[in-house]
């Protein structure tokens, strides 16, 4: 890999870290009239899960284009999982950022599962010889 590819990979990993932190901070978002308008009795809005489902697989696919190696392609996903786990359990000041309801599971599922599928696709297409 060239220096440019290493710098691009570093930017992708930093993006994954920043996105994981922001997704965790916006996880308790509700339609309660504080940040979003009041509607439907303050129903939770899983916007973080939607953002995770769109951005994390894209970061993995871009990293997979840099190098066919497993650790290079999986670096954004691994960084995202570590940050969600560590920052979610031991957040700023020791606060628990992961809330104890279905939105935490949805965030993890929407971020990790599509990214794992994309990682499998990247590895399958780069490791399989063309016919």
N, C-alpha and C. Protein backbone atom coordinates (compact mmCIF):
# COMPACT_ATOMS: atom_id res chain seq x y z
N UNK A 1 0.83 -1.18 0.00
CA UNK A 1 0.00 0.00 0.00
C UNK A 1 0.88 1.25 0.00
N UNK A 2 0.41 2.24 -0.68
CA UNK A 2 1.15 3.49 -0.75
C UNK A 2 0.83 4.37 0.47
N UNK A 3 1.57 5.44 0.58
CA UNK A 3 1.35 6.39 1.68
C UNK A 3 -0.04 7.02 1.56
N UNK A 4 -0.43 7.29 0.34
CA UNK A 4 -1.77 7.87 0.12
C UNK A 4 -2.87 6.93 0.59
N UNK A 5 -2.70 5.63 0.32
CA UNK A 5 -3.70 4.65 0.78
C UNK A 5 -3.73 4.56 2.30
N UNK A 6 -2.57 4.64 2.94
CA UNK A 6 -2.54 4.61 4.41
C UNK A 6 -3.21 5.84 4.99
N UNK A 7 -3.00 7.00 4.38
CA UNK A 7 -3.67 8.22 4.84
C UNK A 7 -5.18 8.13 4.64
N UNK A 8 -5.59 7.58 3.51
CA UNK A 8 -7.02 7.40 3.26
C UNK A 8 -7.63 6.45 4.27
N UNK A 9 -6.93 5.38 4.59
CA UNK A 9 -7.42 4.44 5.59
C UNK A 9 -7.51 5.10 6.96
N UNK A 10 -6.55 5.92 7.30
CA UNK A 10 -6.60 6.63 8.59
C UNK A 10 -7.80 7.57 8.65
N UNK A 11 -8.09 8.25 7.55
CA UNK A 11 -9.26 9.13 7.50
C UNK A 11 -10.54 8.32 7.64
N UNK A 12 -10.60 7.15 7.00
CA UNK A 12 -11.79 6.30 7.11
C UNK A 12 -12.00 5.81 8.54
N UNK A 13 -10.93 5.46 9.22
CA UNK A 13 -11.04 5.00 10.61
C UNK A 13 -11.47 6.15 11.52
N UNK A 14 -10.91 7.33 11.30
CA UNK A 14 -11.32 8.49 12.09
C UNK A 14 -12.79 8.82 11.83
N UNK A 15 -13.22 8.71 10.58
CA UNK A 15 -14.63 8.91 10.26
C UNK A 15 -15.52 7.92 11.00
N UNK A 16 -15.10 6.65 11.05
CA UNK A 16 -15.87 5.64 11.75
C UNK A 16 -15.96 5.95 13.24
N UNK A 17 -14.88 6.43 13.82
CA UNK A 17 -14.87 6.78 15.25
C UNK A 17 -15.81 7.95 15.51
N UNK A 18 -15.70 8.99 14.70
CA UNK A 18 -16.55 10.18 14.89
C UNK A 18 -18.02 9.83 14.68
N UNK A 19 -18.32 9.04 13.66
CA UNK A 19 -19.70 8.64 13.42
C UNK A 19 -20.24 7.80 14.57
N UNK A 20 -19.43 6.90 15.12
CA UNK A 20 -19.89 6.08 16.24
C UNK A 20 -20.22 6.93 17.45
N UNK A 21 -19.39 7.92 17.74
CA UNK A 21 -19.66 8.80 18.88
C UNK A 21 -20.93 9.60 18.65
N UNK A 22 -21.08 10.18 17.47
CA UNK A 22 -22.28 10.97 17.18
C UNK A 22 -23.54 10.11 17.18
N UNK A 23 -23.44 8.89 16.66
CA UNK A 23 -24.60 8.00 16.66
C UNK A 23 -25.00 7.64 18.09
N UNK A 24 -24.03 7.44 18.95
CA UNK A 24 -24.35 7.16 20.36
C UNK A 24 -24.97 8.36 21.05
N UNK A 25 -24.46 9.55 20.76
CA UNK A 25 -25.01 10.74 21.42
C UNK A 25 -26.42 11.07 20.95
N UNK A 26 -26.75 10.75 19.71
CA UNK A 26 -28.10 11.01 19.21
C UNK A 26 -29.02 9.80 19.35
N UNK A 27 -28.58 8.76 20.01
CA UNK A 27 -29.39 7.55 20.19
C UNK A 27 -30.67 7.81 20.97
N UNK A 28 -30.68 8.62 22.03
CA UNK A 28 -31.93 8.83 22.76
C UNK A 28 -32.88 9.86 22.13
N UNK A 29 -32.68 10.21 20.88
CA UNK A 29 -33.50 11.21 20.20
C UNK A 29 -34.97 10.79 20.17
N UNK A 30 -35.86 11.70 20.56
CA UNK A 30 -37.29 11.43 20.60
C UNK A 30 -38.05 12.62 20.02
N UNK A 31 -39.28 12.38 19.61
CA UNK A 31 -40.18 13.45 19.18
C UNK A 31 -40.88 14.00 20.42
N UNK A 32 -40.12 14.73 21.25
CA UNK A 32 -40.66 15.18 22.53
C UNK A 32 -40.71 16.69 22.68
N UNK A 33 -40.34 17.43 21.66
CA UNK A 33 -40.44 18.88 21.71
C UNK A 33 -39.18 19.60 22.12
N UNK A 34 -38.12 18.87 22.48
CA UNK A 34 -36.87 19.53 22.86
C UNK A 34 -35.98 19.77 21.65
N UNK A 35 -35.56 18.70 20.99
CA UNK A 35 -34.74 18.84 19.79
C UNK A 35 -35.63 18.74 18.54
N UNK A 36 -36.48 17.73 18.54
CA UNK A 36 -37.43 17.53 17.45
C UNK A 36 -38.81 18.00 17.91
N UNK A 37 -39.70 18.31 16.98
CA UNK A 37 -41.04 18.76 17.40
C UNK A 37 -41.81 17.65 18.13
N UNK A 38 -42.74 18.05 18.96
CA UNK A 38 -43.55 17.09 19.70
C UNK A 38 -44.54 16.44 18.75
N UNK A 39 -44.55 15.11 18.74
CA UNK A 39 -45.49 14.37 17.91
C UNK A 39 -45.62 12.95 18.44
N UNK A 40 -46.79 12.42 18.33
CA UNK A 40 -47.07 11.02 18.66
C UNK A 40 -46.70 10.66 20.09
N UNK A 41 -46.81 11.58 21.01
CA UNK A 41 -46.55 11.28 22.41
C UNK A 41 -45.09 11.08 22.76
N UNK A 42 -44.18 11.64 22.01
CA UNK A 42 -42.75 11.52 22.33
C UNK A 42 -42.14 10.20 21.89
N UNK A 43 -42.53 9.70 20.75
CA UNK A 43 -42.04 8.42 20.25
C UNK A 43 -40.54 8.51 19.91
N UNK A 44 -39.75 7.45 20.21
CA UNK A 44 -38.32 7.45 19.86
C UNK A 44 -38.10 7.45 18.34
N UNK A 45 -37.05 8.13 17.92
CA UNK A 45 -36.68 8.21 16.50
C UNK A 45 -35.32 7.54 16.34
N UNK A 46 -35.24 6.39 15.65
CA UNK A 46 -33.95 5.71 15.50
C UNK A 46 -33.10 6.28 14.36
N UNK A 47 -32.88 7.58 14.37
CA UNK A 47 -32.09 8.21 13.31
C UNK A 47 -30.64 7.72 13.33
N UNK A 48 -30.11 7.44 14.51
CA UNK A 48 -28.73 6.97 14.61
C UNK A 48 -28.54 5.63 13.90
N UNK A 49 -29.53 4.76 14.03
CA UNK A 49 -29.44 3.45 13.38
C UNK A 49 -29.47 3.59 11.87
N UNK A 50 -30.26 4.52 11.37
CA UNK A 50 -30.33 4.74 9.93
C UNK A 50 -28.98 5.28 9.41
N UNK A 51 -28.41 6.21 10.15
CA UNK A 51 -27.10 6.76 9.75
C UNK A 51 -26.04 5.66 9.79
N UNK A 52 -26.07 4.81 10.82
CA UNK A 52 -25.10 3.71 10.92
C UNK A 52 -25.27 2.71 9.78
N UNK A 53 -26.52 2.44 9.41
CA UNK A 53 -26.77 1.48 8.33
C UNK A 53 -26.30 2.00 6.98
N UNK A 54 -26.22 3.30 6.83
CA UNK A 54 -25.77 3.87 5.55
C UNK A 54 -24.27 4.14 5.49
N UNK A 55 -23.71 4.63 6.59
CA UNK A 55 -22.32 5.08 6.53
C UNK A 55 -21.29 4.00 6.80
N UNK A 56 -21.53 3.14 7.77
CA UNK A 56 -20.53 2.14 8.13
C UNK A 56 -20.24 1.15 7.00
N UNK A 57 -21.26 0.60 6.32
CA UNK A 57 -20.93 -0.26 5.17
C UNK A 57 -20.19 0.47 4.05
N UNK A 58 -20.51 1.75 3.87
CA UNK A 58 -19.81 2.51 2.84
C UNK A 58 -18.33 2.67 3.20
N UNK A 59 -18.04 2.94 4.48
CA UNK A 59 -16.65 3.06 4.90
C UNK A 59 -15.90 1.74 4.69
N UNK A 60 -16.55 0.62 4.97
CA UNK A 60 -15.92 -0.69 4.78
C UNK A 60 -15.66 -0.94 3.29
N UNK A 61 -16.61 -0.58 2.44
CA UNK A 61 -16.40 -0.82 1.00
C UNK A 61 -15.27 0.03 0.45
N UNK A 62 -15.16 1.27 0.90
CA UNK A 62 -14.06 2.12 0.45
C UNK A 62 -12.72 1.59 0.95
N UNK A 63 -12.68 1.12 2.21
CA UNK A 63 -11.45 0.54 2.74
C UNK A 63 -11.09 -0.74 2.00
N UNK A 64 -12.08 -1.49 1.58
CA UNK A 64 -11.82 -2.71 0.82
C UNK A 64 -11.23 -2.44 -0.54
N UNK A 65 -11.52 -1.28 -1.10
CA UNK A 65 -10.94 -0.92 -2.39
C UNK A 65 -9.47 -0.53 -2.27
N UNK A 66 -9.05 -0.15 -1.06
CA UNK A 66 -7.65 0.23 -0.86
C UNK A 66 -6.72 -0.97 -0.86
N UNK A 67 -7.17 -2.07 -0.23
CA UNK A 67 -6.34 -3.26 -0.15
C UNK A 67 -7.24 -4.46 0.10
N UNK A 68 -6.90 -5.63 -0.48
CA UNK A 68 -7.73 -6.81 -0.25
C UNK A 68 -7.46 -7.50 1.09
N UNK A 69 -6.55 -6.97 1.88
CA UNK A 69 -6.23 -7.61 3.17
C UNK A 69 -7.39 -7.43 4.14
N UNK A 70 -7.60 -8.45 4.97
CA UNK A 70 -8.73 -8.46 5.89
C UNK A 70 -8.68 -7.30 6.88
N UNK A 71 -7.53 -7.06 7.49
CA UNK A 71 -7.45 -6.01 8.50
C UNK A 71 -7.62 -4.61 7.93
N UNK A 72 -7.21 -4.43 6.70
CA UNK A 72 -7.38 -3.11 6.06
C UNK A 72 -8.85 -2.89 5.75
N UNK A 73 -9.50 -3.89 5.18
CA UNK A 73 -10.90 -3.74 4.81
C UNK A 73 -11.80 -3.65 6.04
N UNK A 74 -11.43 -4.33 7.10
CA UNK A 74 -12.27 -4.36 8.31
C UNK A 74 -11.93 -3.26 9.31
N UNK A 75 -10.94 -2.45 9.04
CA UNK A 75 -10.51 -1.43 10.01
C UNK A 75 -11.62 -0.46 10.40
N UNK A 76 -12.41 0.10 9.47
CA UNK A 76 -13.49 0.99 9.90
C UNK A 76 -14.55 0.28 10.75
N UNK A 77 -14.87 -0.95 10.39
CA UNK A 77 -15.86 -1.72 11.16
C UNK A 77 -15.35 -2.02 12.56
N UNK A 78 -14.10 -2.43 12.67
CA UNK A 78 -13.53 -2.72 13.98
C UNK A 78 -13.47 -1.47 14.84
N UNK A 79 -13.08 -0.36 14.25
CA UNK A 79 -13.04 0.90 15.01
C UNK A 79 -14.43 1.29 15.47
N UNK A 80 -15.44 1.13 14.62
CA UNK A 80 -16.81 1.48 14.97
C UNK A 80 -17.31 0.60 16.12
N UNK A 81 -17.07 -0.69 16.03
CA UNK A 81 -17.52 -1.62 17.09
C UNK A 81 -16.83 -1.30 18.41
N UNK A 82 -15.53 -1.05 18.38
CA UNK A 82 -14.81 -0.75 19.62
C UNK A 82 -15.31 0.55 20.25
N UNK A 83 -15.52 1.57 19.43
CA UNK A 83 -15.99 2.85 19.97
C UNK A 83 -17.40 2.73 20.51
N UNK A 84 -18.29 2.03 19.82
CA UNK A 84 -19.65 1.85 20.33
C UNK A 84 -19.62 1.09 21.64
N UNK A 85 -18.79 0.08 21.74
CA UNK A 85 -18.71 -0.69 22.99
C UNK A 85 -18.09 0.09 24.13
N UNK A 86 -16.94 0.68 23.89
CA UNK A 86 -16.23 1.38 24.97
C UNK A 86 -16.91 2.69 25.33
N UNK A 87 -17.20 3.52 24.34
CA UNK A 87 -17.83 4.81 24.62
C UNK A 87 -19.26 4.63 25.12
N UNK A 88 -19.92 3.58 24.64
CA UNK A 88 -21.29 3.32 25.08
C UNK A 88 -21.36 2.86 26.52
N UNK A 89 -20.39 2.09 26.96
CA UNK A 89 -20.40 1.57 28.33
C UNK A 89 -19.67 2.48 29.31
N UNK A 90 -18.61 3.11 28.87
CA UNK A 90 -17.80 3.97 29.74
C UNK A 90 -17.66 5.35 29.10
N UNK A 91 -18.76 6.02 28.90
CA UNK A 91 -18.79 7.29 28.19
C UNK A 91 -18.08 8.40 28.93
N UNK A 92 -18.34 9.62 28.53
CA UNK A 92 -17.67 10.75 29.16
C UNK A 92 -18.04 10.85 30.63
N UNK A 93 -17.05 10.92 31.48
CA UNK A 93 -17.29 11.01 32.92
C UNK A 93 -17.81 9.72 33.52
N UNK A 94 -17.65 8.60 32.83
CA UNK A 94 -18.12 7.33 33.34
C UNK A 94 -19.61 7.11 33.15
N UNK A 95 -20.27 7.96 32.37
CA UNK A 95 -21.71 7.82 32.13
C UNK A 95 -21.98 6.68 31.16
N UNK A 96 -23.12 6.05 31.33
CA UNK A 96 -23.57 5.00 30.43
C UNK A 96 -24.33 5.66 29.28
N UNK A 97 -23.76 5.64 28.09
CA UNK A 97 -24.36 6.31 26.94
C UNK A 97 -25.34 5.39 26.23
N UNK A 98 -25.06 4.09 26.22
CA UNK A 98 -26.00 3.14 25.62
C UNK A 98 -27.23 3.03 26.50
N UNK A 99 -28.39 3.31 25.94
CA UNK A 99 -29.61 3.24 26.72
C UNK A 99 -30.13 1.80 26.71
N UNK A 100 -30.81 1.43 27.75
CA UNK A 100 -31.25 0.04 27.93
C UNK A 100 -32.61 -0.18 27.29
N UNK A 101 -32.68 -0.10 25.98
CA UNK A 101 -33.88 -0.47 25.26
C UNK A 101 -33.53 -0.92 23.85
N UNK A 102 -34.51 -1.04 23.02
CA UNK A 102 -34.35 -1.64 21.70
C UNK A 102 -33.49 -0.79 20.76
N UNK A 103 -33.35 0.50 21.03
CA UNK A 103 -32.59 1.36 20.12
C UNK A 103 -31.10 1.03 20.14
N UNK A 104 -30.58 0.59 21.27
CA UNK A 104 -29.16 0.21 21.33
C UNK A 104 -28.90 -1.02 20.47
N UNK A 105 -29.78 -2.00 20.58
CA UNK A 105 -29.63 -3.20 19.77
C UNK A 105 -29.81 -2.88 18.29
N UNK A 106 -30.76 -2.01 17.98
CA UNK A 106 -30.97 -1.61 16.59
C UNK A 106 -29.76 -0.88 16.03
N UNK A 107 -29.15 -0.01 16.83
CA UNK A 107 -27.94 0.70 16.39
C UNK A 107 -26.83 -0.28 16.07
N UNK A 108 -26.60 -1.22 16.98
CA UNK A 108 -25.53 -2.18 16.75
C UNK A 108 -25.83 -3.08 15.55
N UNK A 109 -27.08 -3.51 15.42
CA UNK A 109 -27.44 -4.37 14.29
C UNK A 109 -27.34 -3.63 12.96
N UNK A 110 -27.80 -2.40 12.93
CA UNK A 110 -27.78 -1.64 11.67
C UNK A 110 -26.37 -1.20 11.29
N UNK A 111 -25.48 -1.08 12.25
CA UNK A 111 -24.11 -0.70 11.93
C UNK A 111 -23.23 -1.88 11.60
N UNK A 112 -23.36 -2.96 12.37
CA UNK A 112 -22.43 -4.08 12.23
C UNK A 112 -22.85 -5.09 11.17
N UNK A 113 -24.12 -5.43 11.11
CA UNK A 113 -24.54 -6.49 10.18
C UNK A 113 -24.37 -6.12 8.71
N UNK A 114 -24.86 -4.96 8.26
CA UNK A 114 -24.61 -4.63 6.84
C UNK A 114 -23.13 -4.46 6.52
N UNK A 115 -22.37 -3.97 7.49
CA UNK A 115 -20.92 -3.81 7.27
C UNK A 115 -20.24 -5.16 7.15
N UNK A 116 -20.68 -6.13 7.94
CA UNK A 116 -20.11 -7.47 7.84
C UNK A 116 -20.45 -8.11 6.49
N UNK A 117 -21.64 -7.86 6.00
CA UNK A 117 -22.01 -8.37 4.68
C UNK A 117 -21.15 -7.73 3.59
N UNK A 118 -20.95 -6.43 3.68
CA UNK A 118 -20.09 -5.73 2.71
C UNK A 118 -18.66 -6.24 2.82
N UNK A 119 -18.18 -6.46 4.04
CA UNK A 119 -16.83 -6.98 4.23
C UNK A 119 -16.70 -8.37 3.59
N UNK A 120 -17.70 -9.22 3.76
CA UNK A 120 -17.69 -10.53 3.13
C UNK A 120 -17.68 -10.43 1.62
N UNK A 121 -18.44 -9.49 1.08
CA UNK A 121 -18.45 -9.29 -0.37
C UNK A 121 -17.10 -8.80 -0.87
N UNK A 122 -16.50 -7.87 -0.14
CA UNK A 122 -15.18 -7.35 -0.53
C UNK A 122 -14.16 -8.47 -0.52
N UNK A 123 -14.15 -9.27 0.53
CA UNK A 123 -13.18 -10.36 0.62
C UNK A 123 -13.45 -11.43 -0.43
N UNK A 124 -14.71 -11.73 -0.71
CA UNK A 124 -15.03 -12.75 -1.69
C UNK A 124 -14.62 -12.32 -3.10
N UNK A 125 -14.82 -11.06 -3.42
CA UNK A 125 -14.48 -10.61 -4.77
C UNK A 125 -12.99 -10.40 -4.97
N UNK A 126 -12.26 -10.10 -3.90
CA UNK A 126 -10.82 -9.87 -4.05
C UNK A 126 -10.00 -11.14 -3.90
N UNK A 127 -10.52 -12.11 -3.18
CA UNK A 127 -9.77 -13.33 -2.95
C UNK A 127 -10.09 -14.43 -3.96
N UNK A 128 -11.21 -14.33 -4.66
CA UNK A 128 -11.60 -15.33 -5.64
C UNK A 128 -10.96 -14.98 -6.97
N UNK A 129 -10.26 -15.95 -7.60
CA UNK A 129 -9.66 -15.65 -8.89
C UNK A 129 -10.76 -15.52 -9.96
N UNK A 130 -10.58 -14.61 -10.90
CA UNK A 130 -11.60 -14.45 -11.96
C UNK A 130 -11.65 -15.68 -12.87
N UNK A 131 -12.82 -15.95 -13.39
CA UNK A 131 -12.98 -17.13 -14.26
C UNK A 131 -12.99 -16.75 -15.70
